[in-house]
Amino acid sequence: MKRNTIIFLIVLVGLVLVYLFKGKENDSKNSGLRFVSLAWQDAAIATNKSIVNEWNSAHPDLQVEYIQGTWNSAHDYLITAFETGDVPDIFHYESSVIIDYAMRGYLTDLSKYISLEMKK
């Protein structure tokens, strides 16, 4: 249960930050957000979908599209997405390769938005 709460809070913080950073763009396009998840266990997939559904119910003006990705193609997908500029707003990726994306300037450091309580 604690892990689900942490996942929910991280996704929520990400969604809010993306909403804030894209606010003016969303006002003109109202395009919504894309979330690529690499969850592969049934319970994790269900939890992620539940979080997205809860967000969508509470925020009809900013809907999140849930996209189920796979670990087998995640690296190639993200490299292509970054190079073409068609990157999902939020994505799930737990790998040392993420450092390479940050060094290329593709990622925003959100650590200053995460409270000590959430980190614990």
PDB file of N, CA and C in Angstrom:
ATOM      1  N   MET A   1       0.818  -1.198   0.000  1.00  0.00           N
ATOM      2  CA  MET A   1       0.000   0.000   0.000  1.00  0.00           C
ATOM      3  C   MET A   1       0.862   1.262   0.000  1.00  0.00           C
ATOM      4  N   LYS A   2       1.952   1.246   0.797  1.00  0.00           N
ATOM      5  CA  LYS A   2       2.825   2.410   0.872  1.00  0.00           C
ATOM      6  C   LYS A   2       3.454   2.685  -0.495  1.00  0.00           C
ATOM      7  N   ARG A   3       3.854   1.619  -1.210  1.00  0.00           N
ATOM      8  CA  ARG A   3       4.465   1.778  -2.537  1.00  0.00           C
ATOM      9  C   ARG A   3       3.466   2.408  -3.508  1.00  0.00           C
ATOM     10  N   ASN A   4       2.211   1.979  -3.464  1.00  0.00           N
ATOM     11  CA  ASN A   4       1.190   2.563  -4.340  1.00  0.00           C
ATOM     12  C   ASN A   4       0.997   4.046  -4.047  1.00  0.00           C
ATOM     13  N   THR A   5       1.050   4.407  -2.786  1.00  0.00           N
ATOM     14  CA  THR A   5       0.910   5.817  -2.407  1.00  0.00           C
ATOM     15  C   THR A   5       2.077   6.633  -2.942  1.00  0.00           C
ATOM     16  N   ILE A   6       3.279   6.098  -2.834  1.00  0.00           N
ATOM     17  CA  ILE A   6       4.463   6.793  -3.347  1.00  0.00           C
ATOM     18  C   ILE A   6       4.368   6.950  -4.856  1.00  0.00           C
ATOM     19  N   ILE A   7       3.983   5.877  -5.547  1.00  0.00           N
ATOM     20  CA  ILE A   7       3.836   5.945  -7.002  1.00  0.00           C
ATOM     21  C   ILE A   7       2.791   6.994  -7.367  1.00  0.00           C
ATOM     22  N   PHE A   8       1.671   6.994  -6.659  1.00  0.00           N
ATOM     23  CA  PHE A   8       0.615   7.956  -6.927  1.00  0.00           C
ATOM     24  C   PHE A   8       1.133   9.383  -6.754  1.00  0.00           C
ATOM     25  N   LEU A   9       1.858   9.631  -5.665  1.00  0.00           N
ATOM     26  CA  LEU A   9       2.355  10.977  -5.398  1.00  0.00           C
ATOM     27  C   LEU A   9       3.363  11.423  -6.454  1.00  0.00           C
ATOM     28  N   ILE A  10       4.233  10.522  -6.882  1.00  0.00           N
ATOM     29  CA  ILE A  10       5.215  10.873  -7.911  1.00  0.00           C
ATOM     30  C   ILE A  10       4.511  11.202  -9.218  1.00  0.00           C
ATOM     31  N   VAL A  11       3.556  10.371  -9.606  1.00  0.00           N
ATOM     32  CA  VAL A  11       2.815  10.627 -10.841  1.00  0.00           C
ATOM     33  C   VAL A  11       2.039  11.935 -10.724  1.00  0.00           C
ATOM     34  N   LEU A  12       1.421  12.159  -9.574  1.00  0.00           N
ATOM     35  CA  LEU A  12       0.654  13.384  -9.365  1.00  0.00           C
ATOM     36  C   LEU A  12       1.553  14.620  -9.463  1.00  0.00           C
ATOM     37  N   VAL A  13       2.706  14.579  -8.811  1.00  0.00           N
ATOM     38  CA  VAL A  13       3.635  15.710  -8.889  1.00  0.00           C
ATOM     39  C   VAL A  13       4.053  15.932 -10.332  1.00  0.00           C
ATOM     40  N   GLY A  14       4.355  14.854 -11.041  1.00  0.00           N
ATOM     41  CA  GLY A  14       4.741  14.976 -12.449  1.00  0.00           C
ATOM     42  C   GLY A  14       3.649  15.597 -13.289  1.00  0.00           C
ATOM     43  N   LEU A  15       2.426  15.153 -13.088  1.00  0.00           N
ATOM     44  CA  LEU A  15       1.301  15.693 -13.848  1.00  0.00           C
ATOM     45  C   LEU A  15       1.091  17.176 -13.566  1.00  0.00           C
ATOM     46  N   VAL A  16       1.170  17.534 -12.299  1.00  0.00           N
ATOM     47  CA  VAL A  16       0.970  18.939 -11.936  1.00  0.00           C
ATOM     48  C   VAL A  16       2.074  19.804 -12.547  1.00  0.00           C
ATOM     49  N   LEU A  17       3.308  19.338 -12.464  1.00  0.00           N
ATOM     50  CA  LEU A  17       4.415  20.120 -13.024  1.00  0.00           C
ATOM     51  C   LEU A  17       4.309  20.247 -14.533  1.00  0.00           C
ATOM     52  N   VAL A  18       3.967  19.173 -15.186  1.00  0.00           N
ATOM     53  CA  VAL A  18       3.794  19.248 -16.638  1.00  0.00           C
ATOM     54  C   VAL A  18       2.653  20.204 -16.970  1.00  0.00           C
ATOM     55  N   TYR A  19       1.583  20.126 -16.203  1.00  0.00           N
ATOM     56  CA  TYR A  19       0.455  21.039 -16.418  1.00  0.00           C
ATOM     57  C   TYR A  19       0.899  22.493 -16.260  1.00  0.00           C
ATOM     58  N   LEU A  20       1.687  22.758 -15.210  1.00  0.00           N
ATOM     59  CA  LEU A  20       2.149  24.124 -14.980  1.00  0.00           C
ATOM     60  C   LEU A  20       3.092  24.597 -16.078  1.00  0.00           C
ATOM     61  N   PHE A  21       4.012  23.727 -16.487  1.00  0.00           N
ATOM     62  CA  PHE A  21       4.975  24.112 -17.523  1.00  0.00           C
ATOM     63  C   PHE A  21       4.319  24.245 -18.887  1.00  0.00           C
ATOM     64  N   LYS A  22       3.250  23.507 -19.129  1.00  0.00           N
ATOM     65  CA  LYS A  22       2.591  23.544 -20.430  1.00  0.00           C
ATOM     66  C   LYS A  22       1.285  24.319 -20.380  1.00  0.00           C
ATOM     67  N   GLY A  23       1.022  25.006 -19.274  1.00  0.00           N
ATOM     68  CA  GLY A  23      -0.263  25.667 -19.059  1.00  0.00           C
ATOM     69  C   GLY A  23      -0.708  26.548 -20.201  1.00  0.00           C
ATOM     70  N   LYS A  24       0.135  27.434 -20.648  1.00  0.00           N
ATOM     71  CA  LYS A  24      -0.242  28.340 -21.732  1.00  0.00           C
ATOM     72  C   LYS A  24      -0.479  27.578 -23.025  1.00  0.00           C
ATOM     73  N   GLU A  25       0.353  26.579 -23.276  1.00  0.00           N
ATOM     74  CA  GLU A  25       0.194  25.750 -24.470  1.00  0.00           C
ATOM     75  C   GLU A  25      -1.126  24.977 -24.406  1.00  0.00           C
ATOM     76  N   ASN A  26      -1.463  24.456 -23.222  1.00  0.00           N
ATOM     77  CA  ASN A  26      -2.705  23.705 -23.068  1.00  0.00           C
ATOM     78  C   ASN A  26      -3.921  24.593 -23.223  1.00  0.00           C
ATOM     79  N   ASP A  27      -3.791  25.881 -22.825  1.00  0.00           N
ATOM     80  CA  ASP A  27      -4.918  26.793 -22.984  1.00  0.00           C
ATOM     81  C   ASP A  27      -5.286  26.943 -24.451  1.00  0.00           C
ATOM     82  N   SER A  28      -4.278  26.966 -25.303  1.00  0.00           N
ATOM     83  CA  SER A  28      -4.557  27.176 -26.724  1.00  0.00           C
ATOM     84  C   SER A  28      -4.909  25.884 -27.449  1.00  0.00           C
ATOM     85  N   LYS A  29      -4.328  24.763 -27.023  1.00  0.00           N
ATOM     86  CA  LYS A  29      -4.548  23.508 -27.740  1.00  0.00           C
ATOM     87  C   LYS A  29      -5.436  22.535 -26.983  1.00  0.00           C
ATOM     88  N   ASN A  30      -5.416  22.601 -25.639  1.00  0.00           N
ATOM     89  CA  ASN A  30      -6.144  21.651 -24.807  1.00  0.00           C
ATOM     90  C   ASN A  30      -5.850  20.225 -25.248  1.00  0.00           C
ATOM     91  N   SER A  31      -4.554  19.909 -25.382  1.00  0.00           N
ATOM     92  CA  SER A  31      -4.134  18.652 -25.972  1.00  0.00           C
ATOM     93  C   SER A  31      -4.067  17.479 -25.009  1.00  0.00           C
ATOM     94  N   GLY A  32      -3.999  17.715 -23.733  1.00  0.00           N
ATOM     95  CA  GLY A  32      -3.862  16.619 -22.790  1.00  0.00           C
ATOM     96  C   GLY A  32      -2.422  16.175 -22.659  1.00  0.00           C
ATOM     97  N   LEU A  33      -2.225  15.130 -21.873  1.00  0.00           N
ATOM     98  CA  LEU A  33      -0.897  14.616 -21.596  1.00  0.00           C
ATOM     99  C   LEU A  33      -0.807  13.143 -21.976  1.00  0.00           C
ATOM    100  N   ARG A  34       0.387  12.710 -22.339  1.00  0.00           N
ATOM    101  CA  ARG A  34       0.621  11.299 -22.630  1.00  0.00           C
ATOM    102  C   ARG A  34       1.540  10.713 -21.560  1.00  0.00           C
ATOM    103  N   PHE A  35       1.157   9.586 -20.991  1.00  0.00           N
ATOM    104  CA  PHE A  35       1.926   8.890 -19.968  1.00  0.00           C
ATOM    105  C   PHE A  35       2.258   7.497 -20.480  1.00  0.00           C
ATOM    106  N   VAL A  36       3.545   7.224 -20.681  1.00  0.00           N
ATOM    107  CA  VAL A  36       3.989   5.900 -21.114  1.00  0.00           C
ATOM    108  C   VAL A  36       4.466   5.145 -19.884  1.00  0.00           C
ATOM    109  N   SER A  37       3.816   4.035 -19.618  1.00  0.00           N
ATOM    110  CA  SER A  37       4.151   3.208 -18.470  1.00  0.00           C
ATOM    111  C   SER A  37       4.821   1.924 -18.937  1.00  0.00           C
ATOM    112  N   LEU A  38       5.821   1.499 -18.196  1.00  0.00           N
ATOM    113  CA  LEU A  38       6.489   0.239 -18.487  1.00  0.00           C
ATOM    114  C   LEU A  38       6.148  -0.820 -17.450  1.00  0.00           C
ATOM    115  N   ALA A  39       5.123  -0.552 -16.665  1.00  0.00           N
ATOM    116  CA  ALA A  39       4.692  -1.541 -15.682  1.00  0.00           C
ATOM    117  C   ALA A  39       4.353  -2.836 -16.415  1.00  0.00           C
ATOM    118  N   TRP A  40       4.722  -3.950 -15.821  1.00  0.00           N
ATOM    119  CA  TRP A  40       4.452  -5.219 -16.491  1.00  0.00           C
ATOM    120  C   TRP A  40       3.676  -6.205 -15.618  1.00  0.00           C
ATOM    121  N   GLN A  41       3.635  -5.960 -14.329  1.00  0.00           N
ATOM    122  CA  GLN A  41       2.860  -6.817 -13.445  1.00  0.00           C
ATOM    123  C   GLN A  41       1.412  -6.342 -13.446  1.00  0.00           C
ATOM    124  N   ASP A  42       0.505  -7.289 -13.439  1.00  0.00           N
ATOM    125  CA  ASP A  42      -0.925  -6.951 -13.528  1.00  0.00           C
ATOM    126  C   ASP A  42      -1.348  -5.942 -12.461  1.00  0.00           C
ATOM    127  N   ALA A  43      -0.878  -6.135 -11.229  1.00  0.00           N
ATOM    128  CA  ALA A  43      -1.265  -5.218 -10.141  1.00  0.00           C
ATOM    129  C   ALA A  43      -0.714  -3.813 -10.388  1.00  0.00           C
ATOM    130  N   ALA A  44       0.513  -3.709 -10.889  1.00  0.00           N
ATOM    131  CA  ALA A  44       1.111  -2.399 -11.154  1.00  0.00           C
ATOM    132  C   ALA A  44       0.390  -1.701 -12.306  1.00  0.00           C
ATOM    133  N   ILE A  45       0.045  -2.451 -13.337  1.00  0.00           N
ATOM    134  CA  ILE A  45      -0.701  -1.882 -14.466  1.00  0.00           C
ATOM    135  C   ILE A  45      -2.051  -1.368 -13.979  1.00  0.00           C
ATOM    136  N   ALA A  46      -2.730  -2.174 -13.177  1.00  0.00           N
ATOM    137  CA  ALA A  46      -4.036  -1.767 -12.649  1.00  0.00           C
ATOM    138  C   ALA A  46      -3.914  -0.519 -11.781  1.00  0.00           C
ATOM    139  N   THR A  47      -2.864  -0.433 -10.969  1.00  0.00           N
ATOM    140  CA  THR A  47      -2.654   0.737 -10.118  1.00  0.00           C
ATOM    141  C   THR A  47      -2.412   1.983 -10.956  1.00  0.00           C
ATOM    142  N   ASN A  48      -1.550   1.870 -11.966  1.00  0.00           N
ATOM    143  CA  ASN A  48      -1.273   3.013 -12.835  1.00  0.00           C
ATOM    144  C   ASN A  48      -2.525   3.483 -13.557  1.00  0.00           C
ATOM    145  N   LYS A  49      -3.291   2.540 -14.086  1.00  0.00           N
ATOM    146  CA  LYS A  49      -4.527   2.911 -14.781  1.00  0.00           C
ATOM    147  C   LYS A  49      -5.514   3.560 -13.822  1.00  0.00           C
ATOM    148  N   SER A  50      -5.557   3.059 -12.598  1.00  0.00           N
ATOM    149  CA  SER A  50      -6.443   3.639 -11.590  1.00  0.00           C
ATOM    150  C   SER A  50      -6.045   5.079 -11.268  1.00  0.00           C
ATOM    151  N   ILE A  51      -4.752   5.327 -11.147  1.00  0.00           N
ATOM    152  CA  ILE A  51      -4.262   6.679 -10.870  1.00  0.00           C
ATOM    153  C   ILE A  51      -4.625   7.612 -12.013  1.00  0.00           C
ATOM    154  N   VAL A  52      -4.419   7.149 -13.247  1.00  0.00           N
ATOM    155  CA  VAL A  52      -4.749   7.970 -14.416  1.00  0.00           C
ATOM    156  C   VAL A  52      -6.245   8.236 -14.464  1.00  0.00           C
ATOM    157  N   ASN A  53      -7.052   7.223 -14.220  1.00  0.00           N
ATOM    158  CA  ASN A  53      -8.506   7.405 -14.226  1.00  0.00           C
ATOM    159  C   ASN A  53      -8.951   8.385 -13.143  1.00  0.00           C
ATOM    160  N   GLU A  54      -8.327   8.283 -11.964  1.00  0.00           N
ATOM    161  CA  GLU A  54      -8.655   9.205 -10.871  1.00  0.00           C
ATOM    162  C   GLU A  54      -8.297  10.635 -11.268  1.00  0.00           C
ATOM    163  N   TRP A  55      -7.124  10.807 -11.866  1.00  0.00           N
ATOM    164  CA  TRP A  55      -6.715  12.135 -12.332  1.00  0.00           C
ATOM    165  C   TRP A  55      -7.697  12.652 -13.369  1.00  0.00           C
ATOM    166  N   ASN A  56      -8.019  11.837 -14.354  1.00  0.00           N
ATOM    167  CA  ASN A  56      -8.917  12.262 -15.430  1.00  0.00           C
ATOM    168  C   ASN A  56     -10.293  12.641 -14.907  1.00  0.00           C
ATOM    169  N   SER A  57     -10.776  11.919 -13.901  1.00  0.00           N
ATOM    170  CA  SER A  57     -12.083  12.249 -13.306  1.00  0.00           C
ATOM    171  C   SER A  57     -12.034  13.598 -12.591  1.00  0.00           C
ATOM    172  N   ALA A  58     -10.915  13.859 -11.931  1.00  0.00           N
ATOM    173  CA  ALA A  58     -10.790  15.104 -11.158  1.00  0.00           C
ATOM    174  C   ALA A  58     -10.390  16.301 -12.023  1.00  0.00           C
ATOM    175  N   HIS A  59      -9.859  16.052 -13.217  1.00  0.00           N
ATOM    176  CA  HIS A  59      -9.348  17.134 -14.076  1.00  0.00           C
ATOM    177  C   HIS A  59      -9.843  16.963 -15.509  1.00  0.00           C
ATOM    178  N   PRO A  60     -11.126  17.211 -15.745  1.00  0.00           N
ATOM    179  CA  PRO A  60     -11.667  17.008 -17.093  1.00  0.00           C
ATOM    180  C   PRO A  60     -11.038  17.924 -18.145  1.00  0.00           C
ATOM    181  N   ASP A  61     -10.421  19.015 -17.695  1.00  0.00           N
ATOM    182  CA  ASP A  61      -9.794  19.954 -18.640  1.00  0.00           C
ATOM    183  C   ASP A  61      -8.378  19.548 -19.036  1.00  0.00           C
ATOM    184  N   LEU A  62      -7.797  18.561 -18.358  1.00  0.00           N
ATOM    185  CA  LEU A  62      -6.453  18.088 -18.671  1.00  0.00           C
ATOM    186  C   LEU A  62      -6.411  16.571 -18.528  1.00  0.00           C
ATOM    187  N   GLN A  63      -6.761  15.883 -19.579  1.00  0.00           N
ATOM    188  CA  GLN A  63      -6.832  14.433 -19.567  1.00  0.00           C
ATOM    189  C   GLN A  63      -5.461  13.815 -19.841  1.00  0.00           C
ATOM    190  N   VAL A  64      -5.238  12.665 -19.229  1.00  0.00           N
ATOM    191  CA  VAL A  64      -4.004  11.907 -19.426  1.00  0.00           C
ATOM    192  C   VAL A  64      -4.333  10.663 -20.238  1.00  0.00           C
ATOM    193  N   GLU A  65      -3.569  10.468 -21.299  1.00  0.00           N
ATOM    194  CA  GLU A  65      -3.696   9.258 -22.106  1.00  0.00           C
ATOM    195  C   GLU A  65      -2.685   8.244 -21.583  1.00  0.00           C
ATOM    196  N   TYR A  66      -3.153   7.085 -21.155  1.00  0.00           N
ATOM    197  CA  TYR A  66      -2.280   6.027 -20.646  1.00  0.00           C
ATOM    198  C   TYR A  66      -1.822   5.176 -21.819  1.00  0.00           C
ATOM    199  N   ILE A  67      -0.506   5.036 -21.975  1.00  0.00           N
ATOM    200  CA  ILE A  67       0.059   4.230 -23.051  1.00  0.00           C
ATOM    201  C   ILE A  67       0.904   3.135 -22.411  1.00  0.00           C
ATOM    202  N   GLN A  68       0.582   1.893 -22.707  1.00  0.00           N
ATOM    203  CA  GLN A  68       1.336   0.776 -22.149  1.00  0.00           C
ATOM    204  C   GLN A  68       2.532   0.487 -23.042  1.00  0.00           C
ATOM    205  N   GLY A  69       3.729   0.719 -22.521  1.00  0.00           N
ATOM    206  CA  GLY A  69       4.961   0.427 -23.246  1.00  0.00           C
ATOM    207  C   GLY A  69       5.538  -0.902 -22.796  1.00  0.00           C
ATOM    208  N   THR A  70       6.686  -1.242 -23.335  1.00  0.00           N
ATOM    209  CA  THR A  70       7.383  -2.464 -22.931  1.00  0.00           C
ATOM    210  C   THR A  70       8.843  -2.154 -22.672  1.00  0.00           C
ATOM    211  N   TRP A  71       9.438  -2.897 -21.756  1.00  0.00           N
ATOM    212  CA  TRP A  71      10.854  -2.717 -21.448  1.00  0.00           C
ATOM    213  C   TRP A  71      11.716  -3.062 -22.660  1.00  0.00           C
ATOM    214  N   ASN A  72      11.270  -3.982 -23.490  1.00  0.00           N
ATOM    215  CA  ASN A  72      12.067  -4.415 -24.639  1.00  0.00           C
ATOM    216  C   ASN A  72      12.309  -3.300 -25.648  1.00  0.00           C
ATOM    217  N   SER A  73      11.390  -2.371 -25.758  1.00  0.00           N
ATOM    218  CA  SER A  73      11.520  -1.322 -26.765  1.00  0.00           C
ATOM    219  C   SER A  73      11.660   0.079 -26.173  1.00  0.00           C
ATOM    220  N   ALA A  74      11.721   0.189 -24.846  1.00  0.00           N
ATOM    221  CA  ALA A  74      11.703   1.505 -24.189  1.00  0.00           C
ATOM    222  C   ALA A  74      12.870   2.388 -24.613  1.00  0.00           C
ATOM    223  N   HIS A  75      14.070   1.847 -24.645  1.00  0.00           N
ATOM    224  CA  HIS A  75      15.238   2.667 -24.985  1.00  0.00           C
ATOM    225  C   HIS A  75      15.128   3.228 -26.405  1.00  0.00           C
ATOM    226  N   ASP A  76      14.849   2.380 -27.363  1.00  0.00           N
ATOM    227  CA  ASP A  76      14.721   2.834 -28.757  1.00  0.00           C
ATOM    228  C   ASP A  76      13.574   3.827 -28.904  1.00  0.00           C
ATOM    229  N   TYR A  77      12.462   3.547 -28.227  1.00  0.00           N
ATOM    230  CA  TYR A  77      11.301   4.439 -28.285  1.00  0.00           C
ATOM    231  C   TYR A  77      11.662   5.836 -27.774  1.00  0.00           C
ATOM    232  N   LEU A  78      12.326   5.894 -26.614  1.00  0.00           N
ATOM    233  CA  LEU A  78      12.648   7.194 -26.027  1.00  0.00           C
ATOM    234  C   LEU A  78      13.698   7.947 -26.833  1.00  0.00           C
ATOM    235  N   ILE A  79      14.717   7.260 -27.314  1.00  0.00           N
ATOM    236  CA  ILE A  79      15.726   7.930 -28.147  1.00  0.00           C
ATOM    237  C   ILE A  79      15.056   8.550 -29.367  1.00  0.00           C
ATOM    238  N   THR A  80      14.214   7.774 -30.038  1.00  0.00           N
ATOM    239  CA  THR A  80      13.507   8.281 -31.213  1.00  0.00           C
ATOM    240  C   THR A  80      12.603   9.453 -30.834  1.00  0.00           C
ATOM    241  N   ALA A  81      11.903   9.327 -29.718  1.00  0.00           N
ATOM    242  CA  ALA A  81      10.997  10.383 -29.276  1.00  0.00           C
ATOM    243  C   ALA A  81      11.755  11.674 -28.991  1.00  0.00           C
ATOM    244  N   PHE A  82      12.888  11.574 -28.297  1.00  0.00           N
ATOM    245  CA  PHE A  82      13.674  12.768 -27.994  1.00  0.00           C
ATOM    246  C   PHE A  82      14.233  13.394 -29.268  1.00  0.00           C
ATOM    247  N   GLU A  83      14.710  12.582 -30.162  1.00  0.00           N
ATOM    248  CA  GLU A  83      15.306  13.100 -31.396  1.00  0.00           C
ATOM    249  C   GLU A  83      14.268  13.760 -32.306  1.00  0.00           C
ATOM    250  N   THR A  84      13.049  13.249 -32.297  1.00  0.00           N
ATOM    251  CA  THR A  84      12.002  13.812 -33.161  1.00  0.00           C
ATOM    252  C   THR A  84      11.188  14.896 -32.473  1.00  0.00           C
ATOM    253  N   GLY A  85      11.353  15.039 -31.150  1.00  0.00           N
ATOM    254  CA  GLY A  85      10.593  16.052 -30.420  1.00  0.00           C
ATOM    255  C   GLY A  85       9.175  15.622 -30.089  1.00  0.00           C
ATOM    256  N   ASP A  86       8.876  14.353 -30.244  1.00  0.00           N
ATOM    257  CA  ASP A  86       7.545  13.833 -29.939  1.00  0.00           C
ATOM    258  C   ASP A  86       7.612  12.946 -28.692  1.00  0.00           C
ATOM    259  N   VAL A  87       8.038  13.558 -27.591  1.00  0.00           N
ATOM    260  CA  VAL A  87       8.264  12.841 -26.344  1.00  0.00           C
ATOM    261  C   VAL A  87       6.980  12.824 -25.522  1.00  0.00           C
ATOM    262  N   PRO A  88       6.672  11.686 -24.894  1.00  0.00           N
ATOM    263  CA  PRO A  88       5.516  11.691 -23.992  1.00  0.00           C
ATOM    264  C   PRO A  88       5.772  12.661 -22.842  1.00  0.00           C
ATOM    265  N   ASP A  89       4.720  13.238 -22.320  1.00  0.00           N
ATOM    266  CA  ASP A  89       4.861  14.210 -21.240  1.00  0.00           C
ATOM    267  C   ASP A  89       5.412  13.571 -19.978  1.00  0.00           C
ATOM    268  N   ILE A  90       5.011  12.343 -19.728  1.00  0.00           N
ATOM    269  CA  ILE A  90       5.435  11.616 -18.537  1.00  0.00           C
ATOM    270  C   ILE A  90       5.779  10.206 -18.988  1.00  0.00           C
ATOM    271  N   PHE A  91       6.899   9.690 -18.499  1.00  0.00           N
ATOM    272  CA  PHE A  91       7.219   8.310 -18.836  1.00  0.00           C
ATOM    273  C   PHE A  91       7.883   7.619 -17.664  1.00  0.00           C
ATOM    274  N   HIS A  92       7.730   6.326 -17.645  1.00  0.00           N
ATOM    275  CA  HIS A  92       8.252   5.462 -16.602  1.00  0.00           C
ATOM    276  C   HIS A  92       9.510   4.825 -17.173  1.00  0.00           C
ATOM    277  N   TYR A  93      10.638   5.027 -16.493  1.00  0.00           N
ATOM    278  CA  TYR A  93      11.881   4.419 -16.960  1.00  0.00           C
ATOM    279  C   TYR A  93      12.846   4.355 -15.799  1.00  0.00           C
ATOM    280  N   GLU A  94      13.252   3.180 -15.423  1.00  0.00           N
ATOM    281  CA  GLU A  94      14.168   3.007 -14.300  1.00  0.00           C
ATOM    282  C   GLU A  94      15.431   2.330 -14.815  1.00  0.00           C
ATOM    283  N   SER A  95      16.367   3.124 -15.237  1.00  0.00           N
ATOM    284  CA  SER A  95      17.584   2.568 -15.792  1.00  0.00           C
ATOM    285  C   SER A  95      18.697   3.589 -15.681  1.00  0.00           C
ATOM    286  N   SER A  96      19.919   3.104 -15.687  1.00  0.00           N
ATOM    287  CA  SER A  96      21.060   4.022 -15.638  1.00  0.00           C
ATOM    288  C   SER A  96      21.148   4.851 -16.915  1.00  0.00           C
ATOM    289  N   VAL A  97      20.493   4.417 -17.977  1.00  0.00           N
ATOM    290  CA  VAL A  97      20.497   5.152 -19.242  1.00  0.00           C
ATOM    291  C   VAL A  97      19.826   6.515 -19.079  1.00  0.00           C
ATOM    292  N   ILE A  98      18.971   6.653 -18.087  1.00  0.00           N
ATOM    293  CA  ILE A  98      18.264   7.908 -17.869  1.00  0.00           C
ATOM    294  C   ILE A  98      19.257   9.054 -17.654  1.00  0.00           C
ATOM    295  N   ILE A  99      20.422   8.741 -17.099  1.00  0.00           N
ATOM    296  CA  ILE A  99      21.457   9.757 -16.882  1.00  0.00           C
ATOM    297  C   ILE A  99      21.903  10.344 -18.217  1.00  0.00           C
ATOM    298  N   ASP A 100      22.008   9.497 -19.236  1.00  0.00           N
ATOM    299  CA  ASP A 100      22.374   9.971 -20.568  1.00  0.00           C
ATOM    300  C   ASP A 100      21.342  10.968 -21.094  1.00  0.00           C
ATOM    301  N   TYR A 101      20.070  10.694 -20.878  1.00  0.00           N
ATOM    302  CA  TYR A 101      19.013  11.627 -21.310  1.00  0.00           C
ATOM    303  C   TYR A 101      19.150  12.957 -20.585  1.00  0.00           C
ATOM    304  N   ALA A 102      19.447  12.903 -19.290  1.00  0.00           N
ATOM    305  CA  ALA A 102      19.605  14.139 -18.507  1.00  0.00           C
ATOM    306  C   ALA A 102      20.820  14.929 -19.000  1.00  0.00           C
ATOM    307  N   MET A 103      21.917  14.243 -19.287  1.00  0.00           N
ATOM    308  CA  MET A 103      23.126  14.917 -19.752  1.00  0.00           C
ATOM    309  C   MET A 103      22.905  15.570 -21.116  1.00  0.00           C
ATOM    310  N   ARG A 104      22.019  15.026 -21.913  1.00  0.00           N
ATOM    311  CA  ARG A 104      21.703  15.607 -23.222  1.00  0.00           C
ATOM    312  C   ARG A 104      20.719  16.777 -23.101  1.00  0.00           C
ATOM    313  N   GLY A 105      20.231  17.032 -21.882  1.00  0.00           N
ATOM    314  CA  GLY A 105      19.310  18.138 -21.667  1.00  0.00           C
ATOM    315  C   GLY A 105      17.859  17.796 -21.954  1.00  0.00           C
ATOM    316  N   TYR A 106      17.545  16.515 -22.039  1.00  0.00           N
ATOM    317  CA  TYR A 106      16.183  16.091 -22.359  1.00  0.00           C
ATOM    318  C   TYR A 106      15.251  16.096 -21.157  1.00  0.00           C
ATOM    319  N   LEU A 107      15.790  16.060 -19.950  1.00  0.00           N
ATOM    320  CA  LEU A 107      14.968  15.906 -18.754  1.00  0.00           C
ATOM    321  C   LEU A 107      15.024  17.142 -17.876  1.00  0.00           C
ATOM    322  N   THR A 108      13.982  17.336 -17.120  1.00  0.00           N
ATOM    323  CA  THR A 108      13.926  18.413 -16.141  1.00  0.00           C
ATOM    324  C   THR A 108      14.089  17.809 -14.759  1.00  0.00           C
ATOM    325  N   ASP A 109      14.965  18.370 -13.962  1.00  0.00           N
ATOM    326  CA  ASP A 109      15.180  17.904 -12.596  1.00  0.00           C
ATOM    327  C   ASP A 109      14.011  18.378 -11.741  1.00  0.00           C
ATOM    328  N   LEU A 110      13.231  17.448 -11.260  1.00  0.00           N
ATOM    329  CA  LEU A 110      12.050  17.778 -10.457  1.00  0.00           C
ATOM    330  C   LEU A 110      12.315  17.644  -8.962  1.00  0.00           C
ATOM    331  N   SER A 111      13.559  17.360  -8.575  1.00  0.00           N
ATOM    332  CA  SER A 111      13.846  17.080  -7.170  1.00  0.00           C
ATOM    333  C   SER A 111      13.464  18.238  -6.240  1.00  0.00           C
ATOM    334  N   LYS A 112      13.567  19.471  -6.705  1.00  0.00           N
ATOM    335  CA  LYS A 112      13.219  20.592  -5.828  1.00  0.00           C
ATOM    336  C   LYS A 112      11.716  20.668  -5.553  1.00  0.00           C
ATOM    337  N   TYR A 113      10.917  19.936  -6.318  1.00  0.00           N
ATOM    338  CA  TYR A 113       9.474  19.914  -6.115  1.00  0.00           C
ATOM    339  C   TYR A 113       9.008  18.738  -5.247  1.00  0.00           C
ATOM    340  N   ILE A 114       9.933  17.867  -4.894  1.00  0.00           N
ATOM    341  CA  ILE A 114       9.580  16.689  -4.105  1.00  0.00           C
ATOM    342  C   ILE A 114       9.942  16.947  -2.646  1.00  0.00           C
ATOM    343  N   SER A 115       8.954  16.880  -1.794  1.00  0.00           N
ATOM    344  CA  SER A 115       9.159  17.168  -0.375  1.00  0.00           C
ATOM    345  C   SER A 115       9.979  16.061   0.297  1.00  0.00           C
ATOM    346  N   LEU A 116      10.566  16.397   1.437  1.00  0.00           N
ATOM    347  CA  LEU A 116      11.305  15.404   2.207  1.00  0.00           C
ATOM    348  C   LEU A 116      10.399  14.255   2.636  1.00  0.00           C
ATOM    349  N   GLU A 117       9.162  14.583   2.946  1.00  0.00           N
ATOM    350  CA  GLU A 117       8.204  13.557   3.355  1.00  0.00           C
ATOM    351  C   GLU A 117       7.997  12.542   2.237  1.00  0.00           C
ATOM    352  N   MET A 118       7.878  13.010   1.008  1.00  0.00           N
ATOM    353  CA  MET A 118       7.680  12.098  -0.114  1.00  0.00           C
ATOM    354  C   MET A 118       8.921  11.246  -0.328  1.00  0.00           C
ATOM    355  N   LYS A 119      10.098  11.840  -0.179  1.00  0.00           N
ATOM    356  CA  LYS A 119      11.346  11.093  -0.364  1.00  0.00           C
ATOM    357  C   LYS A 119      11.495   9.970   0.651  1.00  0.00           C
ATOM    358  N   LYS A 120      10.968  10.202   1.860  1.00  0.00           N
ATOM    359  CA  LYS A 120      11.032   9.166   2.895  1.00  0.00           C
ATOM    360  C   LYS A 120      10.120   8.033   2.538  1.00  0.00           C
TER     361      LYS A 120
END
